[in-house]
mmCIF file of all heavy atoms, coordinates in Angstrom:
data_MODEL
# 
_entry.id   MODEL 
# 
loop_
_atom_site.group_PDB 
_atom_site.id 
_atom_site.type_symbol 
_atom_site.label_atom_id 
_atom_site.label_alt_id 
_atom_site.label_comp_id 
_atom_site.label_asym_id 
_atom_site.label_entity_id 
_atom_site.label_seq_id 
_atom_site.pdbx_PDB_ins_code 
_atom_site.Cartn_x 
_atom_site.Cartn_y 
_atom_site.Cartn_z 
_atom_site.occupancy 
_atom_site.B_iso_or_equiv 
_atom_site.pdbx_formal_charge 
_atom_site.auth_seq_id 
_atom_site.auth_comp_id 
_atom_site.auth_asym_id 
_atom_site.auth_atom_id 
_atom_site.pdbx_PDB_model_num 
ATOM 1   N N   . LYS A 1 1  ? 2.455   -19.043 -0.333 1.00 0.00 ? 1  LYS A N   1 
ATOM 2   C CA  . LYS A 1 1  ? 2.344   -18.543 -1.705 1.00 0.00 ? 1  LYS A CA  1 
ATOM 3   C C   . LYS A 1 1  ? 2.099   -17.029 -1.690 1.00 0.00 ? 1  LYS A C   1 
ATOM 4   O O   . LYS A 1 1  ? 2.658   -16.292 -2.501 1.00 0.00 ? 1  LYS A O   1 
ATOM 5   C CB  . LYS A 1 1  ? 1.219   -19.273 -2.438 1.00 0.00 ? 1  LYS A CB  1 
ATOM 6   C CG  . LYS A 1 1  ? 1.143   -18.970 -3.905 1.00 0.00 ? 1  LYS A CG  1 
ATOM 7   C CD  . LYS A 1 1  ? 0.100   -19.857 -4.550 1.00 0.00 ? 1  LYS A CD  1 
ATOM 8   C CE  . LYS A 1 1  ? 0.346   -19.899 -6.023 1.00 0.00 ? 1  LYS A CE  1 
ATOM 9   N NZ  . LYS A 1 1  ? 0.797   -21.173 -6.508 1.00 0.00 ? 1  LYS A NZ  1 
ATOM 10  N N   . LEU A 1 2  ? 1.277   -16.552 -0.748 1.00 0.00 ? 2  LEU A N   1 
ATOM 11  C CA  . LEU A 1 2  ? 1.021   -15.108 -0.636 1.00 0.00 ? 2  LEU A CA  1 
ATOM 12  C C   . LEU A 1 2  ? 2.288   -14.359 -0.233 1.00 0.00 ? 2  LEU A C   1 
ATOM 13  O O   . LEU A 1 2  ? 2.490   -13.212 -0.622 1.00 0.00 ? 2  LEU A O   1 
ATOM 14  C CB  . LEU A 1 2  ? -0.091  -14.836 0.383  1.00 0.00 ? 2  LEU A CB  1 
ATOM 15  C CG  . LEU A 1 2  ? -1.494  -15.269 -0.016 1.00 0.00 ? 2  LEU A CG  1 
ATOM 16  C CD1 . LEU A 1 2  ? -2.451  -15.061 1.147  1.00 0.00 ? 2  LEU A CD1 1 
ATOM 17  C CD2 . LEU A 1 2  ? -1.972  -14.517 -1.235 1.00 0.00 ? 2  LEU A CD2 1 
ATOM 18  N N   . ASN A 1 3  ? 3.147   -15.007 0.545  1.00 0.00 ? 3  ASN A N   1 
ATOM 19  C CA  . ASN A 1 3  ? 4.398   -14.372 0.967  1.00 0.00 ? 3  ASN A CA  1 
ATOM 20  C C   . ASN A 1 3  ? 5.351   -14.136 -0.194 1.00 0.00 ? 3  ASN A C   1 
ATOM 21  O O   . ASN A 1 3  ? 6.283   -13.346 -0.086 1.00 0.00 ? 3  ASN A O   1 
ATOM 22  C CB  . ASN A 1 3  ? 5.091   -15.210 2.044  1.00 0.00 ? 3  ASN A CB  1 
ATOM 23  C CG  . ASN A 1 3  ? 4.408   -15.070 3.385  1.00 0.00 ? 3  ASN A CG  1 
ATOM 24  O OD1 . ASN A 1 3  ? 3.760   -14.066 3.655  1.00 0.00 ? 3  ASN A OD1 1 
ATOM 25  N ND2 . ASN A 1 3  ? 4.552   -16.085 4.223  1.00 0.00 ? 3  ASN A ND2 1 
ATOM 26  N N   . GLU A 1 4  ? 5.125   -14.810 -1.320 1.00 0.00 ? 4  GLU A N   1 
ATOM 27  C CA  . GLU A 1 4  ? 5.970   -14.634 -2.497 1.00 0.00 ? 4  GLU A CA  1 
ATOM 28  C C   . GLU A 1 4  ? 5.679   -13.317 -3.224 1.00 0.00 ? 4  GLU A C   1 
ATOM 29  O O   . GLU A 1 4  ? 6.491   -12.881 -4.033 1.00 0.00 ? 4  GLU A O   1 
ATOM 30  C CB  . GLU A 1 4  ? 5.776   -15.799 -3.470 1.00 0.00 ? 4  GLU A CB  1 
ATOM 31  C CG  . GLU A 1 4  ? 6.246   -17.133 -2.916 1.00 0.00 ? 4  GLU A CG  1 
ATOM 32  C CD  . GLU A 1 4  ? 5.890   -18.302 -3.815 1.00 0.00 ? 4  GLU A CD  1 
ATOM 33  O OE1 . GLU A 1 4  ? 5.391   -18.056 -4.942 1.00 0.00 ? 4  GLU A OE1 1 
ATOM 34  O OE2 . GLU A 1 4  ? 6.099   -19.451 -3.404 1.00 0.00 ? 4  GLU A OE2 1 
ATOM 35  N N   . LEU A 1 5  ? 4.536   -12.709 -2.952 1.00 0.00 ? 5  LEU A N   1 
ATOM 36  C CA  . LEU A 1 5  ? 4.160   -11.466 -3.632 1.00 0.00 ? 5  LEU A CA  1 
ATOM 37  C C   . LEU A 1 5  ? 5.051   -10.310 -3.197 1.00 0.00 ? 5  LEU A C   1 
ATOM 38  O O   . LEU A 1 5  ? 5.409   -10.201 -2.028 1.00 0.00 ? 5  LEU A O   1 
ATOM 39  C CB  . LEU A 1 5  ? 2.701   -11.114 -3.341 1.00 0.00 ? 5  LEU A CB  1 
ATOM 40  C CG  . LEU A 1 5  ? 1.649   -12.067 -3.883 1.00 0.00 ? 5  LEU A CG  1 
ATOM 41  C CD1 . LEU A 1 5  ? 0.276   -11.679 -3.357 1.00 0.00 ? 5  LEU A CD1 1 
ATOM 42  C CD2 . LEU A 1 5  ? 1.649   -12.057 -5.402 1.00 0.00 ? 5  LEU A CD2 1 
ATOM 43  N N   . ASP A 1 6  ? 5.355   -9.436  -4.146 1.00 0.00 ? 6  ASP A N   1 
ATOM 44  C CA  . ASP A 1 6  ? 6.139   -8.243  -3.840 1.00 0.00 ? 6  ASP A CA  1 
ATOM 45  C C   . ASP A 1 6  ? 5.176   -7.144  -3.380 1.00 0.00 ? 6  ASP A C   1 
ATOM 46  O O   . ASP A 1 6  ? 4.393   -6.618  -4.171 1.00 0.00 ? 6  ASP A O   1 
ATOM 47  C CB  . ASP A 1 6  ? 6.911   -7.788  -5.077 1.00 0.00 ? 6  ASP A CB  1 
ATOM 48  C CG  . ASP A 1 6  ? 7.703   -6.516  -4.819 1.00 0.00 ? 6  ASP A CG  1 
ATOM 49  O OD1 . ASP A 1 6  ? 8.025   -6.260  -3.639 1.00 0.00 ? 6  ASP A OD1 1 
ATOM 50  O OD2 . ASP A 1 6  ? 8.002   -5.806  -5.791 1.00 0.00 ? 6  ASP A OD2 1 
ATOM 51  N N   . THR A 1 7  ? 5.230   -6.816  -2.112 1.00 0.00 ? 7  THR A N   1 
ATOM 52  C CA  . THR A 1 7  ? 4.335   -5.797  -1.553 1.00 0.00 ? 7  THR A CA  1 
ATOM 53  C C   . THR A 1 7  ? 5.110   -4.562  -1.113 1.00 0.00 ? 7  THR A C   1 
ATOM 54  O O   . THR A 1 7  ? 4.613   -3.768  -0.321 1.00 0.00 ? 7  THR A O   1 
ATOM 55  C CB  . THR A 1 7  ? 3.563   -6.364  -0.348 1.00 0.00 ? 7  THR A CB  1 
ATOM 56  O OG1 . THR A 1 7  ? 4.502   -6.814  0.620  1.00 0.00 ? 7  THR A OG1 1 
ATOM 57  C CG2 . THR A 1 7  ? 2.643   -7.497  -0.750 1.00 0.00 ? 7  THR A CG2 1 
ATOM 58  N N   . SER A 1 8  ? 6.303   -4.376  -1.648 1.00 0.00 ? 8  SER A N   1 
ATOM 59  C CA  . SER A 1 8  ? 7.139   -3.255  -1.216 1.00 0.00 ? 8  SER A CA  1 
ATOM 60  C C   . SER A 1 8  ? 6.538   -1.903  -1.598 1.00 0.00 ? 8  SER A C   1 
ATOM 61  O O   . SER A 1 8  ? 6.768   -0.910  -0.918 1.00 0.00 ? 8  SER A O   1 
ATOM 62  C CB  . SER A 1 8  ? 8.546   -3.389  -1.801 1.00 0.00 ? 8  SER A CB  1 
ATOM 63  O OG  . SER A 1 8  ? 8.485   -3.434  -3.219 1.00 0.00 ? 8  SER A OG  1 
ATOM 64  N N   . ASP A 1 9  ? 5.735   -1.839  -2.674 1.00 0.00 ? 9  ASP A N   1 
ATOM 65  C CA  . ASP A 1 9  ? 5.130   -0.573  -3.094 1.00 0.00 ? 9  ASP A CA  1 
ATOM 66  C C   . ASP A 1 9  ? 3.701   -0.400  -2.584 1.00 0.00 ? 9  ASP A C   1 
ATOM 67  O O   . ASP A 1 9  ? 3.015   0.552   -2.957 1.00 0.00 ? 9  ASP A O   1 
ATOM 68  C CB  . ASP A 1 9  ? 5.124   -0.481  -4.632 1.00 0.00 ? 9  ASP A CB  1 
ATOM 69  C CG  . ASP A 1 9  ? 6.530   -0.378  -5.193 1.00 0.00 ? 9  ASP A CG  1 
ATOM 70  O OD1 . ASP A 1 9  ? 7.410   0.150   -4.480 1.00 0.00 ? 9  ASP A OD1 1 
ATOM 71  O OD2 . ASP A 1 9  ? 6.746   -0.824  -6.339 1.00 0.00 ? 9  ASP A OD2 1 
ATOM 72  N N   . VAL A 1 10 ? 3.238   -1.307  -1.750 1.00 0.00 ? 10 VAL A N   1 
ATOM 73  C CA  . VAL A 1 10 ? 1.869   -1.246  -1.244 1.00 0.00 ? 10 VAL A CA  1 
ATOM 74  C C   . VAL A 1 10 ? 1.877   -0.548  0.106  1.00 0.00 ? 10 VAL A C   1 
ATOM 75  O O   . VAL A 1 10 ? 2.587   -0.950  1.024  1.00 0.00 ? 10 VAL A O   1 
ATOM 76  C CB  . VAL A 1 10 ? 1.258   -2.658  -1.114 1.00 0.00 ? 10 VAL A CB  1 
ATOM 77  C CG1 . VAL A 1 10 ? -0.154  -2.572  -0.548 1.00 0.00 ? 10 VAL A CG1 1 
ATOM 78  C CG2 . VAL A 1 10 ? 1.265   -3.366  -2.451 1.00 0.00 ? 10 VAL A CG2 1 
ATOM 79  N N   . GLU A 1 11 ? 1.071   0.497   0.209  1.00 0.00 ? 11 GLU A N   1 
ATOM 80  C CA  . GLU A 1 11 ? 0.997   1.259   1.456  1.00 0.00 ? 11 GLU A CA  1 
ATOM 81  C C   . GLU A 1 11 ? 0.207   0.479   2.507  1.00 0.00 ? 11 GLU A C   1 
ATOM 82  O O   . GLU A 1 11 ? -0.869  -0.050  2.208  1.00 0.00 ? 11 GLU A O   1 
ATOM 83  C CB  . GLU A 1 11 ? 0.310   2.595   1.193  1.00 0.00 ? 11 GLU A CB  1 
ATOM 84  C CG  . GLU A 1 11 ? 0.253   3.511   2.379  1.00 0.00 ? 11 GLU A CG  1 
ATOM 85  C CD  . GLU A 1 11 ? -0.444  4.820   2.055  1.00 0.00 ? 11 GLU A CD  1 
ATOM 86  O OE1 . GLU A 1 11 ? -0.420  5.241   0.893  1.00 0.00 ? 11 GLU A OE1 1 
ATOM 87  O OE2 . GLU A 1 11 ? -1.016  5.406   2.987  1.00 0.00 ? 11 GLU A OE2 1 
ATOM 88  N N   . PRO A 1 12 ? 0.711   0.367   3.733  1.00 0.00 ? 12 PRO A N   1 
ATOM 89  C CA  . PRO A 1 12 ? -0.034  -0.341  4.783  1.00 0.00 ? 12 PRO A CA  1 
ATOM 90  C C   . PRO A 1 12 ? -1.355  0.372   5.076  1.00 0.00 ? 12 PRO A C   1 
ATOM 91  O O   . PRO A 1 12 ? -1.449  1.594   4.968  1.00 0.00 ? 12 PRO A O   1 
ATOM 92  C CB  . PRO A 1 12 ? 0.885   -0.255  5.997  1.00 0.00 ? 12 PRO A CB  1 
ATOM 93  C CG  . PRO A 1 12 ? 2.211   0.127   5.486  1.00 0.00 ? 12 PRO A CG  1 
ATOM 94  C CD  . PRO A 1 12 ? 1.995   0.846   4.196  1.00 0.00 ? 12 PRO A CD  1 
ATOM 95  N N   . MET A 1 13 ? -2.370  -0.414  5.418  1.00 0.00 ? 13 MET A N   1 
ATOM 96  C CA  . MET A 1 13 ? -3.673  0.184   5.728  1.00 0.00 ? 13 MET A CA  1 
ATOM 97  C C   . MET A 1 13 ? -4.317  -0.572  6.876  1.00 0.00 ? 13 MET A C   1 
ATOM 98  O O   . MET A 1 13 ? -4.011  -1.727  7.127  1.00 0.00 ? 13 MET A O   1 
ATOM 99  C CB  . MET A 1 13 ? -4.576  0.166   4.503  1.00 0.00 ? 13 MET A CB  1 
ATOM 100 C CG  . MET A 1 13 ? -4.863  -1.193  3.939  1.00 0.00 ? 13 MET A CG  1 
ATOM 101 S SD  . MET A 1 13 ? -5.870  -1.020  2.464  1.00 0.00 ? 13 MET A SD  1 
ATOM 102 C CE  . MET A 1 13 ? -5.997  -2.710  1.965  1.00 0.00 ? 13 MET A CE  1 
ATOM 103 N N   . SER A 1 14 ? -5.204  0.119   7.572  1.00 0.00 ? 14 SER A N   1 
ATOM 104 C CA  . SER A 1 14 ? -5.893  -0.520  8.687  1.00 0.00 ? 14 SER A CA  1 
ATOM 105 C C   . SER A 1 14 ? -7.283  -1.002  8.294  1.00 0.00 ? 14 SER A C   1 
ATOM 106 O O   . SER A 1 14 ? -7.858  -1.836  8.960  1.00 0.00 ? 14 SER A O   1 
ATOM 107 C CB  . SER A 1 14 ? -6.000  0.446   9.869  1.00 0.00 ? 14 SER A CB  1 
ATOM 108 O OG  . SER A 1 14 ? -6.740  1.579   9.494  1.00 0.00 ? 14 SER A OG  1 
ATOM 109 N N   . HIS A 1 15 ? -7.840  -0.461  7.202  1.00 0.00 ? 15 HIS A N   1 
ATOM 110 C CA  . HIS A 1 15 ? -9.158  -0.856  6.724  1.00 0.00 ? 15 HIS A CA  1 
ATOM 111 C C   . HIS A 1 15 ? -9.101  -1.013  5.209  1.00 0.00 ? 15 HIS A C   1 
ATOM 112 O O   . HIS A 1 15 ? -8.322  -0.342  4.538  1.00 0.00 ? 15 HIS A O   1 
ATOM 113 C CB  . HIS A 1 15 ? -10.214 0.198   7.057  1.00 0.00 ? 15 HIS A CB  1 
ATOM 114 C CG  . HIS A 1 15 ? -10.461 0.344   8.519  1.00 0.00 ? 15 HIS A CG  1 
ATOM 115 N ND1 . HIS A 1 15 ? -9.527  0.878   9.382  1.00 0.00 ? 15 HIS A ND1 1 
ATOM 116 C CD2 . HIS A 1 15 ? -11.523 0.020   9.289  1.00 0.00 ? 15 HIS A CD2 1 
ATOM 117 C CE1 . HIS A 1 15 ? -10.012 0.882   10.611 1.00 0.00 ? 15 HIS A CE1 1 
ATOM 118 N NE2 . HIS A 1 15 ? -11.221 0.372   10.577 1.00 0.00 ? 15 HIS A NE2 1 
ATOM 119 N N   . THR A 1 16 ? -9.969  -1.860  4.678  1.00 0.00 ? 16 THR A N   1 
ATOM 120 C CA  . THR A 1 16 ? -9.997  -2.040  3.232  1.00 0.00 ? 16 THR A CA  1 
ATOM 121 C C   . THR A 1 16 ? -10.687 -0.872  2.528  1.00 0.00 ? 16 THR A C   1 
ATOM 122 O O   . THR A 1 16 ? -10.412 -0.605  1.372  1.00 0.00 ? 16 THR A O   1 
ATOM 123 C CB  . THR A 1 16 ? -10.723 -3.338  2.852  1.00 0.00 ? 16 THR A CB  1 
ATOM 124 O OG1 . THR A 1 16 ? -12.001 -3.369  3.484  1.00 0.00 ? 16 THR A OG1 1 
ATOM 125 C CG2 . THR A 1 16 ? -9.909  -4.544  3.269  1.00 0.00 ? 16 THR A CG2 1 
ATOM 126 N N   . PHE A 1 17 ? -11.577 -0.194  3.232  1.00 0.00 ? 17 PHE A N   1 
ATOM 127 C CA  . PHE A 1 17 ? -12.271 0.961   2.668  1.00 0.00 ? 17 PHE A CA  1 
ATOM 128 C C   . PHE A 1 17 ? -11.908 2.205   3.478  1.00 0.00 ? 17 PHE A C   1 
ATOM 129 O O   . PHE A 1 17 ? -11.623 2.111   4.666  1.00 0.00 ? 17 PHE A O   1 
ATOM 130 C CB  . PHE A 1 17 ? -13.798 0.765   2.722  1.00 0.00 ? 17 PHE A CB  1 
ATOM 131 C CG  . PHE A 1 17 ? -14.269 -0.390  1.898  1.00 0.00 ? 17 PHE A CG  1 
ATOM 132 C CD1 . PHE A 1 17 ? -14.650 -1.580  2.498  1.00 0.00 ? 17 PHE A CD1 1 
ATOM 133 C CD2 . PHE A 1 17 ? -14.312 -0.306  0.520  1.00 0.00 ? 17 PHE A CD2 1 
ATOM 134 C CE1 . PHE A 1 17 ? -15.077 -2.652  1.754  1.00 0.00 ? 17 PHE A CE1 1 
ATOM 135 C CE2 . PHE A 1 17 ? -14.746 -1.370  -0.241 1.00 0.00 ? 17 PHE A CE2 1 
ATOM 136 C CZ  . PHE A 1 17 ? -15.127 -2.547  0.373  1.00 0.00 ? 17 PHE A CZ  1 
ATOM 137 N N   . PRO A 1 18 ? -11.951 3.374   2.865  1.00 0.00 ? 18 PRO A N   1 
ATOM 138 C CA  . PRO A 1 18 ? -11.659 4.593   3.633  1.00 0.00 ? 18 PRO A CA  1 
ATOM 139 C C   . PRO A 1 18 ? -12.682 4.762   4.774  1.00 0.00 ? 18 PRO A C   1 
ATOM 140 O O   . PRO A 1 18 ? -13.872 4.556   4.583  1.00 0.00 ? 18 PRO A O   1 
ATOM 141 C CB  . PRO A 1 18 ? -11.818 5.723   2.623  1.00 0.00 ? 18 PRO A CB  1 
ATOM 142 C CG  . PRO A 1 18 ? -11.955 5.098   1.290  1.00 0.00 ? 18 PRO A CG  1 
ATOM 143 C CD  . PRO A 1 18 ? -12.243 3.645   1.474  1.00 0.00 ? 18 PRO A CD  1 
ATOM 144 N N   . VAL A 1 19 ? -12.193 5.123   5.926  1.00 0.00 ? 19 VAL A N   1 
ATOM 145 C CA  . VAL A 1 19 ? -13.066 5.294   7.084  1.00 0.00 ? 19 VAL A CA  1 
ATOM 146 C C   . VAL A 1 19 ? -13.266 6.786   7.308  1.00 0.00 ? 19 VAL A C   1 
ATOM 147 O O   . VAL A 1 19 ? -12.315 7.548   7.418  1.00 0.00 ? 19 VAL A O   1 
ATOM 148 C CB  . VAL A 1 19 ? -12.442 4.649   8.341  1.00 0.00 ? 19 VAL A CB  1 
ATOM 149 C CG1 . VAL A 1 19 ? -13.322 4.883   9.549  1.00 0.00 ? 19 VAL A CG1 1 
ATOM 150 C CG2 . VAL A 1 19 ? -12.227 3.170   8.116  1.00 0.00 ? 19 VAL A CG2 1 
ATOM 151 N N   . ALA A 1 20 ? -14.531 7.186   7.370  1.00 0.00 ? 20 ALA A N   1 
ATOM 152 C CA  . ALA A 1 20 ? -14.854 8.590   7.623  1.00 0.00 ? 20 ALA A CA  1 
ATOM 153 C C   . ALA A 1 20 ? -15.976 8.653   8.641  1.00 0.00 ? 20 ALA A C   1 
ATOM 154 O O   . ALA A 1 20 ? -16.855 7.792   8.676  1.00 0.00 ? 20 ALA A O   1 
ATOM 155 C CB  . ALA A 1 20 ? -15.280 9.276   6.332  1.00 0.00 ? 20 ALA A CB  1 
ATOM 156 N N   . ASN A 1 21 ? -15.950 9.667   9.472  1.00 0.00 ? 21 ASN A N   1 
ATOM 157 C CA  . ASN A 1 21 ? -16.994 9.856   10.464 1.00 0.00 ? 21 ASN A CA  1 
ATOM 158 C C   . ASN A 1 21 ? -18.255 10.327  9.743  1.00 0.00 ? 21 ASN A C   1 
ATOM 159 O O   . ASN A 1 21 ? -18.258 11.363  9.082  1.00 0.00 ? 21 ASN A O   1 
ATOM 160 C CB  . ASN A 1 21 ? -16.543 10.883  11.497 1.00 0.00 ? 21 ASN A CB  1 
ATOM 161 C CG  . ASN A 1 21 ? -17.475 10.925  12.673 1.00 0.00 ? 21 ASN A CG  1 
ATOM 162 O OD1 . ASN A 1 21 ? -18.535 10.310  12.657 1.00 0.00 ? 21 ASN A OD1 1 
ATOM 163 N ND2 . ASN A 1 21 ? -17.084 11.653  13.690 1.00 0.00 ? 21 ASN A ND2 1 
ATOM 164 N N   . VAL A 1 22 ? -19.341 9.570   9.881  1.00 0.00 ? 22 VAL A N   1 
ATOM 165 C CA  . VAL A 1 22 ? -20.578 9.904   9.187  1.00 0.00 ? 22 VAL A CA  1 
ATOM 166 C C   . VAL A 1 22 ? -21.650 10.412  10.142 1.00 0.00 ? 22 VAL A C   1 
ATOM 167 O O   . VAL A 1 22 ? -22.827 10.408  9.806  1.00 0.00 ? 22 VAL A O   1 
ATOM 168 C CB  . VAL A 1 22 ? -21.128 8.685   8.420  1.00 0.00 ? 22 VAL A CB  1 
ATOM 169 C CG1 . VAL A 1 22 ? -20.198 8.300   7.294  1.00 0.00 ? 22 VAL A CG1 1 
ATOM 170 C CG2 . VAL A 1 22 ? -21.344 7.510   9.351  1.00 0.00 ? 22 VAL A CG2 1 
ATOM 171 N N   . MET A 1 23 ? -21.247 10.857  11.311 1.00 0.00 ? 23 MET A N   1 
ATOM 172 C CA  . MET A 1 23 ? -22.224 11.318  12.286 1.00 0.00 ? 23 MET A CA  1 
ATOM 173 C C   . MET A 1 23 ? -22.675 12.740  11.956 1.00 0.00 ? 23 MET A C   1 
ATOM 174 O O   . MET A 1 23 ? -21.894 13.562  11.495 1.00 0.00 ? 23 MET A O   1 
ATOM 175 C CB  . MET A 1 23 ? -21.617 11.249  13.685 1.00 0.00 ? 23 MET A CB  1 
ATOM 176 C CG  . MET A 1 23 ? -21.195 9.839   14.040 1.00 0.00 ? 23 MET A CG  1 
ATOM 177 S SD  . MET A 1 23 ? -20.498 9.720   15.660 1.00 0.00 ? 23 MET A SD  1 
ATOM 178 C CE  . MET A 1 23 ? -21.968 9.579   16.634 1.00 0.00 ? 23 MET A CE  1 
ATOM 179 N N   . ARG A 1 24 ? -23.938 12.973  12.198 1.00 0.00 ? 24 ARG A N   1 
ATOM 180 C CA  . ARG A 1 24 ? -24.476 14.306  11.948 1.00 0.00 ? 24 ARG A CA  1 
ATOM 181 C C   . ARG A 1 24 ? -24.212 15.210  13.144 1.00 0.00 ? 24 ARG A C   1 
ATOM 182 O O   . ARG A 1 24 ? -23.932 14.744  14.240 1.00 0.00 ? 24 ARG A O   1 
ATOM 183 C CB  . ARG A 1 24 ? -25.968 14.239  11.664 1.00 0.00 ? 24 ARG A CB  1 
ATOM 184 C CG  . ARG A 1 24 ? -26.786 13.736  12.845 1.00 0.00 ? 24 ARG A CG  1 
ATOM 185 C CD  . ARG A 1 24 ? -28.278 13.794  12.532 1.00 0.00 ? 24 ARG A CD  1 
ATOM 186 N NE  . ARG A 1 24 ? -29.053 13.129  13.532 1.00 0.00 ? 24 ARG A NE  1 
ATOM 187 C CZ  . ARG A 1 24 ? -29.359 13.613  14.726 1.00 0.00 ? 24 ARG A CZ  1 
ATOM 188 N NH1 . ARG A 1 24 ? -28.921 14.795  15.076 1.00 0.00 ? 24 ARG A NH1 1 
ATOM 189 N NH2 . ARG A 1 24 ? -30.092 12.937  15.569 1.00 0.00 ? 24 ARG A NH2 1 
ATOM 190 N N   . GLU A 1 25 ? -24.351 16.493  12.931 1.00 0.00 ? 25 GLU A N   1 
ATOM 191 C CA  . GLU A 1 25 ? -24.176 17.442  14.011 1.00 0.00 ? 25 GLU A CA  1 
ATOM 192 C C   . GLU A 1 25 ? -25.338 17.304  14.986 1.00 0.00 ? 25 GLU A C   1 
ATOM 193 O O   . GLU A 1 25 ? -26.490 17.107  14.589 1.00 0.00 ? 25 GLU A O   1 
ATOM 194 C CB  . GLU A 1 25 ? -24.143 18.864  13.443 1.00 0.00 ? 25 GLU A CB  1 
ATOM 195 C CG  . GLU A 1 25 ? -23.802 19.914  14.454 1.00 0.00 ? 25 GLU A CG  1 
ATOM 196 C CD  . GLU A 1 25 ? -23.741 21.302  13.840 1.00 0.00 ? 25 GLU A CD  1 
ATOM 197 O OE1 . GLU A 1 25 ? -23.446 21.402  12.644 1.00 0.00 ? 25 GLU A OE1 1 
ATOM 198 O OE2 . GLU A 1 25 ? -23.983 22.263  14.575 1.00 0.00 ? 25 GLU A OE2 1 
ATOM 199 N N   . ASP A 1 26 ? -25.064 17.379  16.274 1.00 0.00 ? 26 ASP A N   1 
ATOM 200 C CA  . ASP A 1 26 ? -26.081 17.237  17.299 1.00 0.00 ? 26 ASP A CA  1 
ATOM 201 C C   . ASP A 1 26 ? -26.809 18.566  17.466 1.00 0.00 ? 26 ASP A C   1 
ATOM 202 O O   . ASP A 1 26 ? -26.256 19.528  17.997 1.00 0.00 ? 26 ASP A O   1 
ATOM 203 C CB  . ASP A 1 26 ? -25.431 16.813  18.611 1.00 0.00 ? 26 ASP A CB  1 
ATOM 204 C CG  . ASP A 1 26 ? -26.461 16.395  19.642 1.00 0.00 ? 26 ASP A CG  1 
ATOM 205 O OD1 . ASP A 1 26 ? -27.640 16.219  19.276 1.00 0.00 ? 26 ASP A OD1 1 
ATOM 206 O OD2 . ASP A 1 26 ? -26.087 16.248  20.812 1.00 0.00 ? 26 ASP A OD2 1 
ATOM 207 N N   . VAL A 1 27 ? -28.063 18.621  16.996 1.00 0.00 ? 27 VAL A N   1 
ATOM 208 C CA  . VAL A 1 27 ? -28.849 19.845  17.056 1.00 0.00 ? 27 VAL A CA  1 
ATOM 209 C C   . VAL A 1 27 ? -30.115 19.564  17.863 1.00 0.00 ? 27 VAL A C   1 
ATOM 210 O O   . VAL A 1 27 ? -30.834 18.599  17.597 1.00 0.00 ? 27 VAL A O   1 
ATOM 211 C CB  . VAL A 1 27 ? -29.236 20.320  15.631 1.00 0.00 ? 27 VAL A CB  1 
ATOM 212 C CG1 . VAL A 1 27 ? -30.103 21.557  15.685 1.00 0.00 ? 27 VAL A CG1 1 
ATOM 213 C CG2 . VAL A 1 27 ? -27.994 20.557  14.800 1.00 0.00 ? 27 VAL A CG2 1 
# 
């Protein structure tokens, strides 16, 4: 049933949320 959906305009992604480096600077 999911294969019936039109996903041609959906951009592929590797994560559901944006991934950003949250590490602080090493001081």
